[in-house]
PDB file of N, CA and C in Angstrom:
ATOM      1  N   MET A   1       0.856  -1.161   0.000  1.00  0.00           N
ATOM      2  CA  MET A   1       0.000   0.000   0.000  1.00  0.00           C
ATOM      3  C   MET A   1       0.909   1.234   0.000  1.00  0.00           C
ATOM      4  N   VAL A   2       0.551   2.208  -0.801  1.00  0.00           N
ATOM      5  CA  VAL A   2       1.325   3.448  -0.883  1.00  0.00           C
ATOM      6  C   VAL A   2       0.399   4.633  -0.689  1.00  0.00           C
ATOM      7  N   GLY A   3       0.990   5.772  -0.364  1.00  0.00           N
ATOM      8  CA  GLY A   3       0.205   6.989  -0.227  1.00  0.00           C
ATOM      9  C   GLY A   3      -0.386   7.410  -1.566  1.00  0.00           C
ATOM     10  N   ASN A   4      -1.500   8.090  -1.526  1.00  0.00           N
ATOM     11  CA  ASN A   4      -2.190   8.520  -2.739  1.00  0.00           C
ATOM     12  C   ASN A   4      -2.101  10.043  -2.840  1.00  0.00           C
ATOM     13  N   THR A   5      -0.882  10.524  -3.082  1.00  0.00           N
ATOM     14  CA  THR A   5      -0.664  11.963  -3.158  1.00  0.00           C
ATOM     15  C   THR A   5       0.286  12.278  -4.303  1.00  0.00           C
ATOM     16  N   GLY A   6       0.349  13.547  -4.649  1.00  0.00           N
ATOM     17  CA  GLY A   6       1.322  13.999  -5.631  1.00  0.00           C
ATOM     18  C   GLY A   6       0.925  13.694  -7.059  1.00  0.00           C
ATOM     19  N   ALA A   7       1.927  13.646  -7.914  1.00  0.00           N
ATOM     20  CA  ALA A   7       1.719  13.501  -9.359  1.00  0.00           C
ATOM     21  C   ALA A   7       1.061  12.179  -9.748  1.00  0.00           C
ATOM     22  N   HIS A   8       1.181  11.154  -8.911  1.00  0.00           N
ATOM     23  CA  HIS A   8       0.643   9.834  -9.260  1.00  0.00           C
ATOM     24  C   HIS A   8      -0.614   9.479  -8.474  1.00  0.00           C
ATOM     25  N   ALA A   9      -1.261  10.467  -7.882  1.00  0.00           N
ATOM     26  CA  ALA A   9      -2.495  10.220  -7.144  1.00  0.00           C
ATOM     27  C   ALA A   9      -3.603   9.771  -8.094  1.00  0.00           C
ATOM     28  N   VAL A  10      -4.467   8.899  -7.623  1.00  0.00           N
ATOM     29  CA  VAL A  10      -5.600   8.438  -8.424  1.00  0.00           C
ATOM     30  C   VAL A  10      -6.900   8.752  -7.701  1.00  0.00           C
ATOM     31  N   GLN A  11      -7.964   8.784  -8.458  1.00  0.00           N
ATOM     32  CA  GLN A  11      -9.300   8.965  -7.911  1.00  0.00           C
ATOM     33  C   GLN A  11     -10.253   8.114  -8.728  1.00  0.00           C
ATOM     34  N   ALA A  12     -11.456   7.946  -8.246  1.00  0.00           N
ATOM     35  CA  ALA A  12     -12.445   7.162  -8.991  1.00  0.00           C
ATOM     36  C   ALA A  12     -12.572   7.745 -10.392  1.00  0.00           C
ATOM     37  N   GLY A  13     -12.539   6.883 -11.394  1.00  0.00           N
ATOM     38  CA  GLY A  13     -12.621   7.317 -12.784  1.00  0.00           C
ATOM     39  C   GLY A  13     -11.274   7.351 -13.485  1.00  0.00           C
ATOM     40  N   THR A  14     -10.181   7.273 -12.727  1.00  0.00           N
ATOM     41  CA  THR A  14      -8.844   7.272 -13.319  1.00  0.00           C
ATOM     42  C   THR A  14      -8.622   5.984 -14.098  1.00  0.00           C
ATOM     43  N   VAL A  15      -7.941   6.072 -15.230  1.00  0.00           N
ATOM     44  CA  VAL A  15      -7.508   4.901 -15.981  1.00  0.00           C
ATOM     45  C   VAL A  15      -6.003   4.773 -15.773  1.00  0.00           C
ATOM     46  N   VAL A  16      -5.563   3.629 -15.257  1.00  0.00           N
ATOM     47  CA  VAL A  16      -4.147   3.366 -15.019  1.00  0.00           C
ATOM     48  C   VAL A  16      -3.653   2.465 -16.142  1.00  0.00           C
ATOM     49  N   ILE A  17      -2.597   2.895 -16.819  1.00  0.00           N
ATOM     50  CA  ILE A  17      -2.056   2.149 -17.953  1.00  0.00           C
ATOM     51  C   ILE A  17      -0.729   1.523 -17.548  1.00  0.00           C
ATOM     52  N   ILE A  18      -0.579   0.241 -17.830  1.00  0.00           N
ATOM     53  CA  ILE A  18       0.629  -0.516 -17.521  1.00  0.00           C
ATOM     54  C   ILE A  18       1.445  -0.627 -18.801  1.00  0.00           C
ATOM     55  N   THR A  19       2.739  -0.309 -18.708  1.00  0.00           N
ATOM     56  CA  THR A  19       3.598  -0.368 -19.894  1.00  0.00           C
ATOM     57  C   THR A  19       4.825  -1.226 -19.651  1.00  0.00           C
ATOM     58  N   GLU A  20       5.366  -1.740 -20.744  1.00  0.00           N
ATOM     59  CA  GLU A  20       6.691  -2.370 -20.768  1.00  0.00           C
ATOM     60  C   GLU A  20       7.462  -1.589 -21.818  1.00  0.00           C
ATOM     61  N   GLY A  21       8.318  -0.682 -21.376  1.00  0.00           N
ATOM     62  CA  GLY A  21       8.962   0.232 -22.310  1.00  0.00           C
ATOM     63  C   GLY A  21       7.903   1.152 -22.891  1.00  0.00           C
ATOM     64  N   ALA A  22       7.869   1.277 -24.202  1.00  0.00           N
ATOM     65  CA  ALA A  22       6.880   2.132 -24.858  1.00  0.00           C
ATOM     66  C   ALA A  22       5.578   1.391 -25.172  1.00  0.00           C
ATOM     67  N   ARG A  23       5.543   0.077 -24.922  1.00  0.00           N
ATOM     68  CA  ARG A  23       4.385  -0.738 -25.293  1.00  0.00           C
ATOM     69  C   ARG A  23       3.377  -0.834 -24.161  1.00  0.00           C
ATOM     70  N   GLN A  24       2.101  -0.549 -24.452  1.00  0.00           N
ATOM     71  CA  GLN A  24       1.014  -0.736 -23.492  1.00  0.00           C
ATOM     72  C   GLN A  24       0.711  -2.215 -23.370  1.00  0.00           C
ATOM     73  N   VAL A  25       0.705  -2.731 -22.136  1.00  0.00           N
ATOM     74  CA  VAL A  25       0.422  -4.149 -21.948  1.00  0.00           C
ATOM     75  C   VAL A  25      -0.831  -4.407 -21.126  1.00  0.00           C
ATOM     76  N   GLY A  26      -1.397  -3.360 -20.561  1.00  0.00           N
ATOM     77  CA  GLY A  26      -2.627  -3.536 -19.796  1.00  0.00           C
ATOM     78  C   GLY A  26      -3.121  -2.219 -19.244  1.00  0.00           C
ATOM     79  N   TYR A  27      -4.341  -2.248 -18.753  1.00  0.00           N
ATOM     80  CA  TYR A  27      -4.899  -1.056 -18.122  1.00  0.00           C
ATOM     81  C   TYR A  27      -6.038  -1.474 -17.211  1.00  0.00           C
ATOM     82  N   PHE A  28      -6.377  -0.601 -16.276  1.00  0.00           N
ATOM     83  CA  PHE A  28      -7.563  -0.825 -15.468  1.00  0.00           C
ATOM     84  C   PHE A  28      -8.183   0.504 -15.092  1.00  0.00           C
ATOM     85  N   HIS A  29      -9.471   0.461 -14.809  1.00  0.00           N
ATOM     86  CA  HIS A  29     -10.240   1.632 -14.406  1.00  0.00           C
ATOM     87  C   HIS A  29     -10.400   1.596 -12.883  1.00  0.00           C
ATOM     88  N   VAL A  30     -10.119   2.705 -12.231  1.00  0.00           N
ATOM     89  CA  VAL A  30     -10.286   2.809 -10.782  1.00  0.00           C
ATOM     90  C   VAL A  30     -11.744   3.154 -10.511  1.00  0.00           C
ATOM     91  N   THR A  31     -12.416   2.322  -9.721  1.00  0.00           N
ATOM     92  CA  THR A  31     -13.816   2.583  -9.390  1.00  0.00           C
ATOM     93  C   THR A  31     -13.980   3.109  -7.970  1.00  0.00           C
ATOM     94  N   GLU A  32     -12.985   2.814  -7.105  1.00  0.00           N
ATOM     95  CA  GLU A  32     -13.084   3.245  -5.712  1.00  0.00           C
ATOM     96  C   GLU A  32     -11.678   3.396  -5.138  1.00  0.00           C
ATOM     97  N   VAL A  33     -11.466   4.432  -4.370  1.00  0.00           N
ATOM     98  CA  VAL A  33     -10.205   4.625  -3.658  1.00  0.00           C
ATOM     99  C   VAL A  33     -10.540   4.620  -2.167  1.00  0.00           C
ATOM    100  N   LEU A  34      -9.955   3.672  -1.457  1.00  0.00           N
ATOM    101  CA  LEU A  34     -10.214   3.537  -0.029  1.00  0.00           C
ATOM    102  C   LEU A  34      -9.325   4.494   0.765  1.00  0.00           C
ATOM    103  N   ASP A  35      -9.853   5.059   1.802  1.00  0.00           N
ATOM    104  CA  ASP A  35      -9.109   5.926   2.700  1.00  0.00           C
ATOM    105  C   ASP A  35      -8.524   5.044   3.786  1.00  0.00           C
ATOM    106  N   ALA A  36      -7.285   4.597   3.588  1.00  0.00           N
ATOM    107  CA  ALA A  36      -6.652   3.695   4.541  1.00  0.00           C
ATOM    108  C   ALA A  36      -5.236   4.176   4.830  1.00  0.00           C
ATOM    109  N   THR A  37      -4.792   3.957   6.037  1.00  0.00           N
ATOM    110  CA  THR A  37      -3.436   4.302   6.424  1.00  0.00           C
ATOM    111  C   THR A  37      -2.626   3.023   6.484  1.00  0.00           C
ATOM    112  N   PRO A  38      -1.482   2.959   5.773  1.00  0.00           N
ATOM    113  CA  PRO A  38      -0.666   1.743   5.827  1.00  0.00           C
ATOM    114  C   PRO A  38      -0.133   1.508   7.246  1.00  0.00           C
ATOM    115  N   PRO A  39       0.010   0.253   7.637  1.00  0.00           N
ATOM    116  CA  PRO A  39       0.546  -0.027   8.971  1.00  0.00           C
ATOM    117  C   PRO A  39       2.012   0.372   9.062  1.00  0.00           C
ATOM    118  N   ASP A  40       2.439   0.783  10.246  1.00  0.00           N
ATOM    119  CA  ASP A  40       3.854   1.103  10.461  1.00  0.00           C
ATOM    120  C   ASP A  40       4.659  -0.186  10.433  1.00  0.00           C
ATOM    121  N   GLU A  41       5.840  -0.091   9.837  1.00  0.00           N
ATOM    122  CA  GLU A  41       6.705  -1.274   9.784  1.00  0.00           C
ATOM    123  C   GLU A  41       7.878  -1.095  10.696  1.00  0.00           C
TER     124      GLU A  41
END
Protein backbone atom coordinates (compact mmCIF):
# COMPACT_ATOMS: atom_id res chain seq x y z
CA MET A 1 0.00 0.00 0.00
CA VAL A 2 1.33 3.45 -0.88
CA GLY A 3 0.20 6.99 -0.23
CA ASN A 4 -2.19 8.52 -2.74
CA THR A 5 -0.66 11.96 -3.16
CA GLY A 6 1.32 14.00 -5.63
CA ALA A 7 1.72 13.50 -9.36
CA HIS A 8 0.64 9.83 -9.26
CA ALA A 9 -2.49 10.22 -7.14
CA VAL A 10 -5.60 8.44 -8.42
CA GLN A 11 -9.30 8.97 -7.91
CA ALA A 12 -12.44 7.16 -8.99
CA GLY A 13 -12.62 7.32 -12.78
CA THR A 14 -8.84 7.27 -13.32
CA VAL A 15 -7.51 4.90 -15.98
CA VAL A 16 -4.15 3.37 -15.02
CA ILE A 17 -2.06 2.15 -17.95
CA ILE A 18 0.63 -0.52 -17.52
CA THR A 19 3.60 -0.37 -19.89
CA GLU A 20 6.69 -2.37 -20.77
CA GLY A 21 8.96 0.23 -22.31
CA ALA A 22 6.88 2.13 -24.86
CA ARG A 23 4.39 -0.74 -25.29
CA GLN A 24 1.01 -0.74 -23.49
CA VAL A 25 0.42 -4.15 -21.95
CA GLY A 26 -2.63 -3.54 -19.80
CA TYR A 27 -4.90 -1.06 -18.12
CA PHE A 28 -7.56 -0.83 -15.47
CA HIS A 29 -10.24 1.63 -14.41
CA VAL A 30 -10.29 2.81 -10.78
CA THR A 31 -13.82 2.58 -9.39
CA GLU A 32 -13.08 3.24 -5.71
CA VAL A 33 -10.20 4.62 -3.66
CA LEU A 34 -10.21 3.54 -0.03
CA ASP A 35 -9.11 5.93 2.70
CA ALA A 36 -6.65 3.69 4.54
CA THR A 37 -3.44 4.30 6.42
CA PRO A 38 -0.67 1.74 5.83
CA PRO A 39 0.55 -0.03 8.97
CA ASP A 40 3.85 1.10 10.46
CA GLU A 41 6.71 -1.27 9.78
